Amino acid sequence: MLAASDPQDGDIVIRQDARDGKLVFVLHTVPGADQFILQTRDAAIAQAAAFAKRQGVRVWLSNGDGEFALVEDFRVASV
């Protein structure tokens, strides 16, 4: 079976957005509403990775066009 190329329930998505004329990075858990707003991409990735590691899920970057890039996979492999 091929790995999913899109976020699944529980995964963390980071997307770039503009708020009050400033570039920000927004985190949310799939499915769900925005949860965190961070000022830099590095901070967003670090925050998302810390949460995803605790939850055993993946971190994705959204390009805004419905396409996603996998950043890190913290799921435990089944044996």
Protein backbone atom coordinates (compact mmCIF):
# COMPACT_ATOMS: atom_id res chain seq x y z
CA MET A 1 0.00 0.00 0.00
CA LEU A 2 1.28 3.48 -0.86
CA ALA A 3 1.64 6.12 1.85
CA ALA A 4 -0.92 8.89 1.74
CA SER A 5 0.34 12.05 0.07
CA ASP A 6 -2.11 14.31 1.89
CA PRO A 7 -2.66 15.03 5.58
CA GLN A 8 -4.82 12.53 7.46
CA ASP A 9 -6.88 13.05 10.62
CA GLY A 10 -4.62 14.17 13.45
CA ASP A 11 -1.76 15.39 11.24
CA ILE A 12 -0.43 18.94 11.70
CA VAL A 13 -0.52 21.39 8.78
CA ILE A 14 1.49 24.61 8.54
CA ARG A 15 0.32 27.26 6.12
CA GLN A 16 1.60 30.72 5.29
CA ASP A 17 -0.87 33.57 5.70
CA ALA A 18 -1.00 37.36 5.95
CA ARG A 19 -2.48 38.93 9.06
CA ASP A 20 -2.59 42.70 9.54
CA GLY A 21 -0.20 43.05 6.61
CA LYS A 22 2.40 40.74 8.15
CA LEU A 23 3.52 37.29 7.06
CA VAL A 24 2.66 34.61 9.62
CA PHE A 25 2.58 30.83 9.78
CA VAL A 26 -0.58 29.14 11.00
CA LEU A 27 -0.78 25.65 12.49
CA HIS A 28 -3.83 23.45 12.69
CA THR A 29 -4.64 19.81 13.29
CA VAL A 30 -6.59 18.03 10.54
CA PRO A 31 -9.52 18.41 10.58
CA GLY A 32 -9.89 21.58 12.53
CA ALA A 33 -9.61 25.30 12.88
CA ASP A 34 -6.42 27.35 13.19
CA GLN A 35 -4.72 26.74 16.53
CA PHE A 36 -1.40 28.64 16.60
CA ILE A 37 0.04 31.64 14.79
CA LEU A 38 3.81 32.00 14.68
CA GLN A 39 6.01 34.71 13.22
CA THR A 40 8.60 32.59 11.43
CA ARG A 41 8.61 29.41 9.37
CA ASP A 42 11.34 27.90 11.56
CA ALA A 43 9.30 28.54 14.71
CA ALA A 44 6.21 27.03 13.10
CA ILE A 45 8.09 23.91 12.03
CA ALA A 46 9.67 23.51 15.48
CA GLN A 47 6.31 23.90 17.24
CA ALA A 48 4.52 21.56 14.83
CA ALA A 49 7.28 18.95 15.10
CA ALA A 50 7.22 19.01 18.91
CA PHE A 51 3.46 18.50 18.95
CA ALA A 52 3.50 15.86 16.18
CA LYS A 53 6.23 13.89 17.94
CA ARG A 54 4.15 13.70 21.14
CA GLN A 55 1.04 12.69 19.18
CA GLY A 56 2.74 10.29 16.74
CA VAL A 57 1.50 12.08 13.61
CA ARG A 58 2.98 13.85 10.56
CA VAL A 59 3.83 17.50 9.85
CA TRP A 60 2.93 19.01 6.48
CA LEU A 61 3.52 22.35 4.74
CA SER A 62 0.62 23.65 2.66
CA ASN A 63 1.34 25.65 -0.49
CA GLY A 64 -2.16 27.12 -0.45
CA ASP A 65 -3.23 25.39 -3.67
CA GLY A 66 -4.37 22.17 -2.04
CA GLU A 67 -0.93 20.61 -2.35
CA PHE A 68 1.15 19.52 0.63
CA ALA A 69 4.79 18.73 1.30
CA LEU A 70 5.65 16.26 4.06
CA VAL A 71 8.05 17.79 6.59
CA GLU A 72 8.36 14.95 9.08
CA ASP A 73 6.66 11.67 9.94
CA PHE A 74 6.48 10.72 13.62
CA ARG A 75 4.12 7.77 13.19
CA VAL A 76 5.30 4.50 14.68
CA ALA A 77 5.81 1.84 12.04
CA SER A 78 3.71 -1.31 12.43
CA VAL A 79 5.61 -4.59 12.54
